[in-house]
């Protein structure tokens, strides 16, 4: 990794400099002996590094972690790893993974990889899973509450009516027809409430007829005029249909509540490999992608390996684009 004069060594040096990782040769006490690779990941200009030590150039915690990895690699003769976060020479804070291997009696080679994007993706995934679990718990509580306050109470009333019917048949049979009629009314209302609850969880038209008719039904019920530019006529994978449906449903609801738009357009195109959902309004814009509704949609789309992009510049309306891959 040092300067050289032979063609072979020059080629090796060029190869090392082309590698996207940063590489050091370090002594046991942490002195930088050589370096190669992506020097933009250094904390100091490359010309100021050689001959200095980890402790001189790095924060104490990072230097200590790297020195520990150096000692472990030299003492065991095996690979040692450590993770740390640093501000690089260009001022950017990044996450790094260092892999340290012995290359002599008191020397090691450390290969340092930028894992910032990977760590952020892992954090996003963890947060997304937590939100999905929380949303599922909230939905279960909503269903339980609706059942308890609605259909369950009506069914209890039906049971009481039937109990009274049995007693009136013995003592006052002329009152039984009215009680039966009241029980029938309560039972009908209970069935309607259960049907509405199930419809909210997963619309029947989506299960029975597919995404196109389900989106058409959404457009018919929407509070704003909806221009359906394109809809699939073939059936799609069930998870894709469900995710696409809820993207359109949430986008239409948001437009009606917040956008002050006069119209909304919807386009859903499928090519066999993926489905793309696009919903745009002509409202005031300024939607917050971090809001619970849009963030929930992003989690639903991400769960399928897809991507949701929200564009909402103030004064230029809001558009959502979800790409949903087919497994």
C-alpha atoms as a PDB file:
ATOM      1  CA  UNK A   1       0.000   0.000   0.000  1.00  0.00           C
ATOM      2  CA  UNK A   2       3.050   2.316  -0.134  1.00  0.00           C
ATOM      3  CA  UNK A   3       4.665   4.051  -3.085  1.00  0.00           C
ATOM      4  CA  UNK A   4       6.639   1.726  -5.364  1.00  0.00           C
ATOM      5  CA  UNK A   5       8.726   1.752  -8.484  1.00  0.00           C
ATOM      6  CA  UNK A   6       8.184  -1.645 -10.138  1.00  0.00           C
ATOM      7  CA  UNK A   7       5.370  -2.170 -12.662  1.00  0.00           C
ATOM      8  CA  UNK A   8       3.880  -5.025 -10.583  1.00  0.00           C
ATOM      9  CA  UNK A   9       3.831  -2.933  -7.437  1.00  0.00           C
ATOM     10  CA  UNK A  10       2.384  -0.001  -9.378  1.00  0.00           C
ATOM     11  CA  UNK A  11      -0.463  -2.211 -10.636  1.00  0.00           C
ATOM     12  CA  UNK A  12      -1.111  -3.459  -7.101  1.00  0.00           C
ATOM     13  CA  UNK A  13      -1.183   0.111  -5.859  1.00  0.00           C
ATOM     14  CA  UNK A  14      -3.639   1.130  -8.582  1.00  0.00           C
ATOM     15  CA  UNK A  15      -5.865  -1.832  -7.704  1.00  0.00           C
ATOM     16  CA  UNK A  16      -5.880  -0.926  -4.017  1.00  0.00           C
ATOM     17  CA  UNK A  17      -6.660   2.717  -4.746  1.00  0.00           C
ATOM     18  CA  UNK A  18      -9.612   1.655  -6.910  1.00  0.00           C
ATOM     19  CA  UNK A  19     -11.234  -0.419  -4.157  1.00  0.00           C
ATOM     20  CA  UNK A  20     -14.206   1.448  -2.635  1.00  0.00           C
ATOM     21  CA  UNK A  21     -13.194   0.535   0.925  1.00  0.00           C
ATOM     22  CA  UNK A  22     -10.585   2.342   2.986  1.00  0.00           C
ATOM     23  CA  UNK A  23      -7.575   0.248   3.998  1.00  0.00           C
ATOM     24  CA  UNK A  24      -4.872   0.815   6.597  1.00  0.00           C
ATOM     25  CA  UNK A  25      -1.767  -0.976   7.750  1.00  0.00           C
ATOM     26  CA  UNK A  26      -1.436  -0.317  11.458  1.00  0.00           C
ATOM     27  CA  UNK A  27       1.105  -1.150  14.148  1.00  0.00           C
ATOM     28  CA  UNK A  28       0.054  -2.691  17.457  1.00  0.00           C
ATOM     29  CA  UNK A  29       0.106   0.723  19.097  1.00  0.00           C
ATOM     30  CA  UNK A  30      -2.169   2.108  16.367  1.00  0.00           C
ATOM     31  CA  UNK A  31       0.335   3.975  14.177  1.00  0.00           C
ATOM     32  CA  UNK A  32      -0.754   4.457  10.574  1.00  0.00           C
ATOM     33  CA  UNK A  33       1.937   2.777   8.443  1.00  0.00           C
ATOM     34  CA  UNK A  34       0.176   2.785   5.049  1.00  0.00           C
ATOM     35  CA  UNK A  35      -3.219   3.598   3.614  1.00  0.00           C
ATOM     36  CA  UNK A  36      -5.106   3.060   0.351  1.00  0.00           C
ATOM     37  CA  UNK A  37      -8.610   3.080  -1.055  1.00  0.00           C
ATOM     38  CA  UNK A  38     -11.295   5.700  -0.539  1.00  0.00           C
ATOM     39  CA  UNK A  39      -9.472   8.376   1.453  1.00  0.00           C
ATOM     40  CA  UNK A  40     -12.620  10.559   1.526  1.00  0.00           C
ATOM     41  CA  UNK A  41     -13.623   8.447   4.537  1.00  0.00           C
ATOM     42  CA  UNK A  42     -10.683   9.712   6.588  1.00  0.00           C
ATOM     43  CA  UNK A  43     -11.157  12.198   9.422  1.00  0.00           C
ATOM     44  CA  UNK A  44      -8.089  14.170   8.307  1.00  0.00           C
ATOM     45  CA  UNK A  45      -6.480  14.865   4.926  1.00  0.00           C
ATOM     46  CA  UNK A  46      -4.535  11.822   3.712  1.00  0.00           C
ATOM     47  CA  UNK A  47      -1.212  13.665   3.878  1.00  0.00           C
ATOM     48  CA  UNK A  48      -1.632  14.224   7.622  1.00  0.00           C
ATOM     49  CA  UNK A  49      -2.306  10.592   8.573  1.00  0.00           C
ATOM     50  CA  UNK A  50       0.804   8.484   8.003  1.00  0.00           C
ATOM     51  CA  UNK A  51       3.127   8.315  11.000  1.00  0.00           C
ATOM     52  CA  UNK A  52       0.412   9.400  13.436  1.00  0.00           C
ATOM     53  CA  UNK A  53      -1.637   7.162  15.707  1.00  0.00           C
ATOM     54  CA  UNK A  54      -5.302   6.326  16.143  1.00  0.00           C
ATOM     55  CA  UNK A  55      -5.325   8.066  19.507  1.00  0.00           C
ATOM     56  CA  UNK A  56      -3.958  11.279  17.997  1.00  0.00           C
ATOM     57  CA  UNK A  57      -6.496  11.497  15.174  1.00  0.00           C
ATOM     58  CA  UNK A  58      -9.693   9.869  16.415  1.00  0.00           C
ATOM     59  CA  UNK A  59     -12.099  10.437  19.314  1.00  0.00           C
ATOM     60  CA  UNK A  60     -11.159   8.450  22.392  1.00  0.00           C
ATOM     61  CA  UNK A  61     -14.044   5.955  22.141  1.00  0.00           C
ATOM     62  CA  UNK A  62     -13.347   5.180  18.473  1.00  0.00           C
ATOM     63  CA  UNK A  63      -9.594   4.936  18.949  1.00  0.00           C
ATOM     64  CA  UNK A  64     -10.098   2.615  21.924  1.00  0.00           C
ATOM     65  CA  UNK A  65     -12.442   0.343  19.948  1.00  0.00           C
ATOM     66  CA  UNK A  66      -9.998   0.120  17.016  1.00  0.00           C
ATOM     67  CA  UNK A  67      -6.998  -0.503  19.283  1.00  0.00           C
ATOM     68  CA  UNK A  68      -8.941  -3.281  20.987  1.00  0.00           C
ATOM     69  CA  UNK A  69      -9.669  -4.856  17.586  1.00  0.00           C
ATOM     70  CA  UNK A  70      -5.975  -4.579  16.653  1.00  0.00           C
ATOM     71  CA  UNK A  71      -4.963  -6.309  19.896  1.00  0.00           C
ATOM     72  CA  UNK A  72      -7.530  -9.090  19.452  1.00  0.00           C
ATOM     73  CA  UNK A  73      -6.446  -9.744  15.872  1.00  0.00           C
ATOM     74  CA  UNK A  74      -2.754  -9.931  16.837  1.00  0.00           C
ATOM     75  CA  UNK A  75      -3.322 -11.996  19.984  1.00  0.00           C
ATOM     76  CA  UNK A  76      -5.661 -14.556  18.383  1.00  0.00           C
ATOM     77  CA  UNK A  77      -4.372 -14.505  14.805  1.00  0.00           C
ATOM     78  CA  UNK A  78      -7.990 -14.208  13.662  1.00  0.00           C
ATOM     79  CA  UNK A  79     -10.311 -11.603  12.189  1.00  0.00           C
ATOM     80  CA  UNK A  80     -11.555  -8.937  14.607  1.00  0.00           C
ATOM     81  CA  UNK A  81     -14.347  -6.481  13.828  1.00  0.00           C
ATOM     82  CA  UNK A  82     -15.696  -3.285  15.329  1.00  0.00           C
ATOM     83  CA  UNK A  83     -18.326  -0.685  14.419  1.00  0.00           C
ATOM     84  CA  UNK A  84     -18.136   3.039  15.025  1.00  0.00           C
ATOM     85  CA  UNK A  85     -19.431   6.413  13.850  1.00  0.00           C
ATOM     86  CA  UNK A  86     -17.183   9.278  12.725  1.00  0.00           C
ATOM     87  CA  UNK A  87     -17.310  12.685  11.101  1.00  0.00           C
ATOM     88  CA  UNK A  88     -15.237  12.443   7.919  1.00  0.00           C
ATOM     89  CA  UNK A  89     -12.939  15.033   6.424  1.00  0.00           C
ATOM     90  CA  UNK A  90     -15.825  16.510   4.390  1.00  0.00           C
ATOM     91  CA  UNK A  91     -17.923  17.017   7.534  1.00  0.00           C
ATOM     92  CA  UNK A  92     -20.315  14.100   7.010  1.00  0.00           C
ATOM     93  CA  UNK A  93     -21.135  11.803   9.929  1.00  0.00           C
ATOM     94  CA  UNK A  94     -21.042   8.175   8.789  1.00  0.00           C
ATOM     95  CA  UNK A  95     -21.229   4.672  10.198  1.00  0.00           C
ATOM     96  CA  UNK A  96     -18.252   2.369   9.576  1.00  0.00           C
ATOM     97  CA  UNK A  97     -17.389  -1.282  10.021  1.00  0.00           C
ATOM     98  CA  UNK A  98     -13.692  -2.147  10.456  1.00  0.00           C
ATOM     99  CA  UNK A  99     -12.396  -5.671   9.764  1.00  0.00           C
ATOM    100  CA  UNK A 100      -8.926  -6.184  11.183  1.00  0.00           C
ATOM    101  CA  UNK A 101      -6.558  -9.079  10.327  1.00  0.00           C
ATOM    102  CA  UNK A 102      -2.914  -9.672  11.324  1.00  0.00           C
ATOM    103  CA  UNK A 103      -0.295  -9.249   8.609  1.00  0.00           C
ATOM    104  CA  UNK A 104       2.870  -9.591  10.657  1.00  0.00           C
ATOM    105  CA  UNK A 105       4.178  -9.954  14.196  1.00  0.00           C
ATOM    106  CA  UNK A 106       2.955  -6.541  15.326  1.00  0.00           C
ATOM    107  CA  UNK A 107       1.071  -5.247  12.319  1.00  0.00           C
ATOM    108  CA  UNK A 108      -2.488  -5.534  11.024  1.00  0.00           C
ATOM    109  CA  UNK A 109      -4.459  -4.589   7.945  1.00  0.00           C
ATOM    110  CA  UNK A 110      -7.781  -2.880   8.637  1.00  0.00           C
ATOM    111  CA  UNK A 111     -10.431  -2.730   5.922  1.00  0.00           C
ATOM    112  CA  UNK A 112     -12.976  -0.021   6.709  1.00  0.00           C
ATOM    113  CA  UNK A 113     -16.357  -0.084   4.976  1.00  0.00           C
ATOM    114  CA  UNK A 114     -18.978   2.661   4.929  1.00  0.00           C
ATOM    115  CA  UNK A 115     -22.165   1.038   6.264  1.00  0.00           C
ATOM    116  CA  UNK A 116     -24.184   4.240   6.734  1.00  0.00           C
ATOM    117  CA  UNK A 117     -26.892   3.321   4.236  1.00  0.00           C
ATOM    118  CA  UNK A 118     -27.119  -0.231   5.559  1.00  0.00           C
ATOM    119  CA  UNK A 119     -27.437   0.923   9.170  1.00  0.00           C
ATOM    120  CA  UNK A 120     -30.081   3.489   8.220  1.00  0.00           C
ATOM    121  CA  UNK A 121     -32.010   0.862   6.277  1.00  0.00           C
ATOM    122  CA  UNK A 122     -31.901  -1.425   9.304  1.00  0.00           C
ATOM    123  CA  UNK A 123     -33.119   1.376  11.566  1.00  0.00           C
ATOM    124  CA  UNK A 124     -35.899   2.230   9.114  1.00  0.00           C
ATOM    125  CA  UNK A 125     -36.910  -1.427   8.949  1.00  0.00           C
ATOM    126  CA  UNK A 126     -37.009  -1.725  12.729  1.00  0.00           C
ATOM    127  CA  UNK A 127     -39.088   1.442  13.053  1.00  0.00           C
ATOM    128  CA  UNK A 128     -41.383   0.327  10.229  1.00  0.00           C
ATOM    129  CA  UNK A 129     -41.985  -3.042  11.885  1.00  0.00           C
ATOM    130  CA  UNK A 130     -42.746  -1.301  15.179  1.00  0.00           C
ATOM    131  CA  UNK A 131     -45.268   0.980  13.459  1.00  0.00           C
ATOM    132  CA  UNK A 132     -46.891  -1.981  11.694  1.00  0.00           C
ATOM    133  CA  UNK A 133     -47.263  -3.808  15.004  1.00  0.00           C
ATOM    134  CA  UNK A 134     -48.672  -0.677  16.661  1.00  0.00           C
ATOM    135  CA  UNK A 135     -51.086  -0.118  13.775  1.00  0.00           C
ATOM    136  CA  UNK A 136     -52.220  -3.729  13.981  1.00  0.00           C
ATOM    137  CA  UNK A 137     -52.804  -3.418  17.712  1.00  0.00           C
ATOM    138  CA  UNK A 138     -54.760  -0.188  17.227  1.00  0.00           C
ATOM    139  CA  UNK A 139     -56.877  -1.785  14.498  1.00  0.00           C
ATOM    140  CA  UNK A 140     -57.656  -4.777  16.697  1.00  0.00           C
ATOM    141  CA  UNK A 141     -58.706  -2.450  19.515  1.00  0.00           C
ATOM    142  CA  UNK A 142     -60.907  -0.494  17.094  1.00  0.00           C
ATOM    143  CA  UNK A 143     -62.607  -3.670  15.891  1.00  0.00           C
ATOM    144  CA  UNK A 144     -63.083  -4.874  19.465  1.00  0.00           C
ATOM    145  CA  UNK A 145     -64.545  -1.502  20.496  1.00  0.00           C
ATOM    146  CA  UNK A 146     -66.885  -1.355  17.501  1.00  0.00           C
ATOM    147  CA  UNK A 147     -68.080  -4.894  18.076  1.00  0.00           C
ATOM    148  CA  UNK A 148     -68.620  -4.244  21.772  1.00  0.00           C
ATOM    149  CA  UNK A 149     -70.431  -0.931  21.315  1.00  0.00           C
ATOM    150  CA  UNK A 150     -72.461  -1.994  18.287  1.00  0.00           C
ATOM    151  CA  UNK A 151     -73.212  -5.523  17.181  1.00  0.00           C
ATOM    152  CA  UNK A 152     -72.476  -7.154  20.539  1.00  0.00           C
ATOM    153  CA  UNK A 153     -74.922  -4.905  22.381  1.00  0.00           C
ATOM    154  CA  UNK A 154     -77.592  -5.524  19.777  1.00  0.00           C
ATOM    155  CA  UNK A 155     -77.115  -9.281  20.013  1.00  0.00           C
ATOM    156  CA  UNK A 156     -77.442  -9.047  23.797  1.00  0.00           C
ATOM    157  CA  UNK A 157     -80.708  -7.159  23.245  1.00  0.00           C
ATOM    158  CA  UNK A 158     -81.897  -9.893  20.876  1.00  0.00           C
ATOM    159  CA  UNK A 159     -81.150 -12.519  23.510  1.00  0.00           C
ATOM    160  CA  UNK A 160     -83.153 -10.550  26.097  1.00  0.00           C
ATOM    161  CA  UNK A 161     -86.071 -10.179  23.703  1.00  0.00           C
ATOM    162  CA  UNK A 162     -86.098 -13.900  23.006  1.00  0.00           C
ATOM    163  CA  UNK A 163     -86.011 -14.585  26.744  1.00  0.00           C
ATOM    164  CA  UNK A 164     -89.049 -12.297  27.171  1.00  0.00           C
ATOM    165  CA  UNK A 165     -90.806 -13.974  24.266  1.00  0.00           C
ATOM    166  CA  UNK A 166     -90.512 -17.334  25.988  1.00  0.00           C
ATOM    167  CA  UNK A 167     -91.945 -15.924  29.202  1.00  0.00           C
ATOM    168  CA  UNK A 168     -94.757 -13.997  27.450  1.00  0.00           C
ATOM    169  CA  UNK A 169     -95.796 -17.104  25.540  1.00  0.00           C
ATOM    170  CA  UNK A 170     -96.634 -18.634  28.900  1.00  0.00           C
ATOM    171  CA  UNK A 171     -98.348 -15.613  30.520  1.00  0.00           C
ATOM    172  CA  UNK A 172     -99.194 -12.975  27.875  1.00  0.00           C
ATOM    173  CA  UNK A 173     -98.934 -14.590  24.437  1.00  0.00           C
ATOM    174  CA  UNK A 174    -100.509 -11.560  22.738  1.00  0.00           C
ATOM    175  CA  UNK A 175     -97.287  -9.571  23.421  1.00  0.00           C
ATOM    176  CA  UNK A 176     -95.002 -12.141  21.800  1.00  0.00           C
ATOM    177  CA  UNK A 177     -95.323 -10.927  18.158  1.00  0.00           C
ATOM    178  CA  UNK A 178     -94.177  -7.402  19.065  1.00  0.00           C
ATOM    179  CA  UNK A 179     -91.213  -8.763  20.978  1.00  0.00           C
ATOM    180  CA  UNK A 180     -90.272 -11.054  18.092  1.00  0.00           C
ATOM    181  CA  UNK A 181     -90.474  -8.138  15.669  1.00  0.00           C
ATOM    182  CA  UNK A 182     -88.209  -6.012  17.917  1.00  0.00           C
ATOM    183  CA  UNK A 183     -85.723  -8.879  18.130  1.00  0.00           C
ATOM    184  CA  UNK A 184     -85.721  -9.236  14.353  1.00  0.00           C
ATOM    185  CA  UNK A 185     -85.037  -5.491  13.967  1.00  0.00           C
ATOM    186  CA  UNK A 186     -82.111  -5.619  16.402  1.00  0.00           C
ATOM    187  CA  UNK A 187     -80.722  -8.695  14.689  1.00  0.00           C
ATOM    188  CA  UNK A 188     -80.936  -7.034  11.267  1.00  0.00           C
ATOM    189  CA  UNK A 189     -79.112  -3.951  12.569  1.00  0.00           C
ATOM    190  CA  UNK A 190     -76.440  -6.126  14.185  1.00  0.00           C
ATOM    191  CA  UNK A 191     -75.849  -7.962  10.919  1.00  0.00           C
ATOM    192  CA  UNK A 192     -75.571  -4.646   9.059  1.00  0.00           C
ATOM    193  CA  UNK A 193     -73.009  -3.333  11.551  1.00  0.00           C
ATOM    194  CA  UNK A 194     -70.944  -6.510  11.290  1.00  0.00           C
ATOM    195  CA  UNK A 195     -71.127  -6.310   7.484  1.00  0.00           C
ATOM    196  CA  UNK A 196     -69.958  -2.665   7.542  1.00  0.00           C
ATOM    197  CA  UNK A 197     -67.120  -3.554   9.905  1.00  0.00           C
ATOM    198  CA  UNK A 198     -65.942  -6.380   7.668  1.00  0.00           C
ATOM    199  CA  UNK A 199     -66.310  -4.138   4.624  1.00  0.00           C
ATOM    200  CA  UNK A 200     -63.926  -1.659   6.258  1.00  0.00           C
ATOM    201  CA  UNK A 201     -61.348  -4.368   6.919  1.00  0.00           C
ATOM    202  CA  UNK A 202     -61.363  -5.815   3.420  1.00  0.00           C
ATOM    203  CA  UNK A 203     -63.993  -4.735   0.902  1.00  0.00           C
ATOM    204  CA  UNK A 204     -66.004  -7.579  -0.589  1.00  0.00           C
ATOM    205  CA  UNK A 205     -65.766  -6.115  -4.084  1.00  0.00           C
ATOM    206  CA  UNK A 206     -61.962  -6.287  -3.848  1.00  0.00           C
ATOM    207  CA  UNK A 207     -62.022  -9.958  -2.874  1.00  0.00           C
ATOM    208  CA  UNK A 208     -64.684 -10.980  -5.366  1.00  0.00           C
ATOM    209  CA  UNK A 209     -64.035  -8.789  -8.416  1.00  0.00           C
ATOM    210  CA  UNK A 210     -60.517  -7.402  -8.103  1.00  0.00           C
ATOM    211  CA  UNK A 211     -58.713  -4.078  -7.904  1.00  0.00           C
ATOM    212  CA  UNK A 212     -60.300  -2.310 -10.901  1.00  0.00           C
ATOM    213  CA  UNK A 213     -63.917  -2.584  -9.722  1.00  0.00           C
ATOM    214  CA  UNK A 214     -62.867  -1.847  -6.131  1.00  0.00           C
ATOM    215  CA  UNK A 215     -61.187   1.423  -7.170  1.00  0.00           C
ATOM    216  CA  UNK A 216     -64.244   2.309  -9.269  1.00  0.00           C
ATOM    217  CA  UNK A 217     -66.375   1.854  -6.163  1.00  0.00           C
ATOM    218  CA  UNK A 218     -64.024   4.127  -4.230  1.00  0.00           C
ATOM    219  CA  UNK A 219     -64.324   6.785  -6.929  1.00  0.00           C
ATOM    220  CA  UNK A 220     -68.125   6.610  -6.853  1.00  0.00           C
ATOM    221  CA  UNK A 221     -68.168   7.208  -3.098  1.00  0.00           C
ATOM    222  CA  UNK A 222     -65.454   9.892  -3.096  1.00  0.00           C
ATOM    223  CA  UNK A 223     -66.301  13.422  -1.963  1.00  0.00           C
ATOM    224  CA  UNK A 224     -64.287  14.903  -4.850  1.00  0.00           C
ATOM    225  CA  UNK A 225     -64.613  14.244  -8.597  1.00  0.00           C
ATOM    226  CA  UNK A 226     -62.238  11.411  -9.524  1.00  0.00           C
ATOM    227  CA  UNK A 227     -60.804  10.912 -13.011  1.00  0.00           C
ATOM    228  CA  UNK A 228     -59.881   7.238 -13.475  1.00  0.00           C
ATOM    229  CA  UNK A 229     -57.139   7.360 -16.113  1.00  0.00           C
ATOM    230  CA  UNK A 230     -56.207   3.660 -16.072  1.00  0.00           C
ATOM    231  CA  UNK A 231     -57.237   0.569 -14.124  1.00  0.00           C
ATOM    232  CA  UNK A 232     -56.211  -3.078 -14.411  1.00  0.00           C
ATOM    233  CA  UNK A 233     -58.873  -5.484 -15.630  1.00  0.00           C
ATOM    234  CA  UNK A 234     -56.972  -8.645 -14.764  1.00  0.00           C
ATOM    235  CA  UNK A 235     -56.635 -10.033 -11.250  1.00  0.00           C
ATOM    236  CA  UNK A 236     -53.378  -9.254  -9.483  1.00  0.00           C
ATOM    237  CA  UNK A 237     -51.679 -10.975  -6.518  1.00  0.00           C
ATOM    238  CA  UNK A 238     -53.923 -10.516  -3.479  1.00  0.00           C
ATOM    239  CA  UNK A 239     -51.334  -8.622  -1.360  1.00  0.00           C
ATOM    240  CA  UNK A 240     -50.702  -6.234  -4.264  1.00  0.00           C
ATOM    241  CA  UNK A 241     -54.417  -5.625  -4.765  1.00  0.00           C
ATOM    242  CA  UNK A 242     -54.891  -4.894  -1.066  1.00  0.00           C
ATOM    243  CA  UNK A 243     -51.928  -2.504  -0.869  1.00  0.00           C
ATOM    244  CA  UNK A 244     -52.925  -0.678  -4.066  1.00  0.00           C
ATOM    245  CA  UNK A 245     -56.519  -0.356  -2.852  1.00  0.00           C
ATOM    246  CA  UNK A 246     -55.481   1.210   0.438  1.00  0.00           C
ATOM    247  CA  UNK A 247     -53.066   3.586  -1.282  1.00  0.00           C
ATOM    248  CA  UNK A 248     -55.931   4.889  -3.438  1.00  0.00           C
ATOM    249  CA  UNK A 249     -58.369   4.921  -0.509  1.00  0.00           C
ATOM    250  CA  UNK A 250     -56.017   6.858   1.794  1.00  0.00           C
ATOM    251  CA  UNK A 251     -55.034   9.289  -0.952  1.00  0.00           C
ATOM    252  CA  UNK A 252     -58.688  10.063  -1.779  1.00  0.00           C
ATOM    253  CA  UNK A 253     -59.544  10.494   1.897  1.00  0.00           C
ATOM    254  CA  UNK A 254     -56.578  12.841   2.434  1.00  0.00           C
ATOM    255  CA  UNK A 255     -57.492  14.873  -0.628  1.00  0.00           C
ATOM    256  CA  UNK A 256     -61.054  15.302   0.616  1.00  0.00           C
ATOM    257  CA  UNK A 257     -59.963  16.259   4.135  1.00  0.00           C
ATOM    258  CA  UNK A 258     -56.907  18.428   3.617  1.00  0.00           C
ATOM    259  CA  UNK A 259     -56.104  19.371   0.040  1.00  0.00           C
ATOM    260  CA  UNK A 260     -58.901  21.823  -0.850  1.00  0.00           C
ATOM    261  CA  UNK A 261     -58.674  20.248  -4.298  1.00  0.00           C
ATOM    262  CA  UNK A 262     -61.331  20.396  -7.002  1.00  0.00           C
ATOM    263  CA  UNK A 263     -60.475  17.034  -8.590  1.00  0.00           C
ATOM    264  CA  UNK A 264     -58.294  13.954  -8.231  1.00  0.00           C
ATOM    265  CA  UNK A 265     -56.823  11.647 -10.868  1.00  0.00           C
ATOM    266  CA  UNK A 266     -56.061   7.968 -10.365  1.00  0.00           C
ATOM    267  CA  UNK A 267     -53.919   5.723 -12.526  1.00  0.00           C
ATOM    268  CA  UNK A 268     -53.200   2.069 -11.721  1.00  0.00           C
ATOM    269  CA  UNK A 269     -51.051   0.233 -14.261  1.00  0.00           C
ATOM    270  CA  UNK A 270     -49.792  -3.351 -14.129  1.00  0.00           C
ATOM    271  CA  UNK A 271     -47.231  -4.960 -16.429  1.00  0.00           C
ATOM    272  CA  UNK A 272     -46.990  -8.466 -14.994  1.00  0.00           C
ATOM    273  CA  UNK A 273     -43.886  -7.692 -12.951  1.00  0.00           C
ATOM    274  CA  UNK A 274     -45.162  -4.788 -10.893  1.00  0.00           C
ATOM    275  CA  UNK A 275     -48.129  -2.512 -10.317  1.00  0.00           C
ATOM    276  CA  UNK A 276     -47.765   1.279 -10.224  1.00  0.00           C
ATOM    277  CA  UNK A 277     -50.380   3.378  -8.433  1.00  0.00           C
ATOM    278  CA  UNK A 278     -50.475   7.127  -9.036  1.00  0.00           C
ATOM    279  CA  UNK A 279     -52.936   9.489  -7.336  1.00  0.00           C
ATOM    280  CA  UNK A 280     -52.720  13.255  -7.849  1.00  0.00           C
ATOM    281  CA  UNK A 281     -54.879  16.201  -6.787  1.00  0.00           C
ATOM    282  CA  UNK A 282     -54.882  19.875  -7.741  1.00  0.00           C
ATOM    283  CA  UNK A 283     -55.038  21.153  -4.176  1.00  0.00           C
ATOM    284  CA  UNK A 284     -52.835  23.339  -2.023  1.00  0.00           C
ATOM    285  CA  UNK A 285     -50.091  20.762  -1.427  1.00  0.00           C
ATOM    286  CA  UNK A 286     -47.920  20.838   1.650  1.00  0.00           C
ATOM    287  CA  UNK A 287     -48.768  17.311   2.831  1.00  0.00           C
ATOM    288  CA  UNK A 288     -46.398  15.909   5.456  1.00  0.00           C
ATOM    289  CA  UNK A 289     -44.978  12.511   4.332  1.00  0.00           C
ATOM    290  CA  UNK A 290     -44.180  11.810   7.989  1.00  0.00           C
ATOM    291  CA  UNK A 291     -47.847  11.971   8.982  1.00  0.00           C
ATOM    292  CA  UNK A 292     -49.311   8.789  10.417  1.00  0.00           C
ATOM    293  CA  UNK A 293     -51.539   8.071   7.407  1.00  0.00           C
ATOM    294  CA  UNK A 294     -48.864   8.443   4.737  1.00  0.00           C
ATOM    295  CA  UNK A 295     -46.258   6.761   6.902  1.00  0.00           C
ATOM    296  CA  UNK A 296     -48.627   3.820   7.379  1.00  0.00           C
ATOM    297  CA  UNK A 297     -49.052   3.576   3.619  1.00  0.00           C
ATOM    298  CA  UNK A 298     -45.286   3.647   3.200  1.00  0.00           C
ATOM    299  CA  UNK A 299     -44.965   0.772   5.658  1.00  0.00           C
ATOM    300  CA  UNK A 300     -47.641  -1.238   3.838  1.00  0.00           C
ATOM    301  CA  UNK A 301     -45.902  -0.683   0.496  1.00  0.00           C
ATOM    302  CA  UNK A 302     -42.440  -1.408   1.939  1.00  0.00           C
ATOM    303  CA  UNK A 303     -43.720  -4.683   3.396  1.00  0.00           C
ATOM    304  CA  UNK A 304     -44.151  -5.885  -0.202  1.00  0.00           C
ATOM    305  CA  UNK A 305     -40.687  -4.680  -1.217  1.00  0.00           C
ATOM    306  CA  UNK A 306     -42.181  -1.623  -2.919  1.00  0.00           C
ATOM    307  CA  UNK A 307     -41.587   2.111  -2.754  1.00  0.00           C
ATOM    308  CA  UNK A 308     -43.954   5.007  -2.007  1.00  0.00           C
ATOM    309  CA  UNK A 309     -42.997   8.503  -3.171  1.00  0.00           C
ATOM    310  CA  UNK A 310     -44.984  11.547  -2.051  1.00  0.00           C
ATOM    311  CA  UNK A 311     -44.637  14.901  -3.810  1.00  0.00           C
ATOM    312  CA  UNK A 312     -46.497  17.821  -2.242  1.00  0.00           C
ATOM    313  CA  UNK A 313     -44.997  21.229  -2.911  1.00  0.00           C
ATOM    314  CA  UNK A 314     -47.081  24.075  -1.460  1.00  0.00           C
ATOM    315  CA  UNK A 315     -49.464  25.423  -4.072  1.00  0.00           C
ATOM    316  CA  UNK A 316     -48.826  22.580  -6.539  1.00  0.00           C
ATOM    317  CA  UNK A 317     -51.056  19.812  -5.245  1.00  0.00           C
ATOM    318  CA  UNK A 318     -50.134  16.409  -3.899  1.00  0.00           C
ATOM    319  CA  UNK A 319     -49.208  13.267  -5.797  1.00  0.00           C
ATOM    320  CA  UNK A 320     -48.521   9.750  -4.547  1.00  0.00           C
ATOM    321  CA  UNK A 321     -46.712   7.112  -6.543  1.00  0.00           C
ATOM    322  CA  UNK A 322     -46.474   3.559  -5.229  1.00  0.00           C
ATOM    323  CA  UNK A 323     -44.576   0.842  -7.049  1.00  0.00           C
ATOM    324  CA  UNK A 324     -45.573  -2.657  -5.926  1.00  0.00           C
ATOM    325  CA  UNK A 325     -43.506  -5.566  -7.237  1.00  0.00           C
ATOM    326  CA  UNK A 326     -45.190  -8.893  -7.952  1.00  0.00           C
ATOM    327  CA  UNK A 327     -43.570 -11.903  -6.298  1.00  0.00           C
END
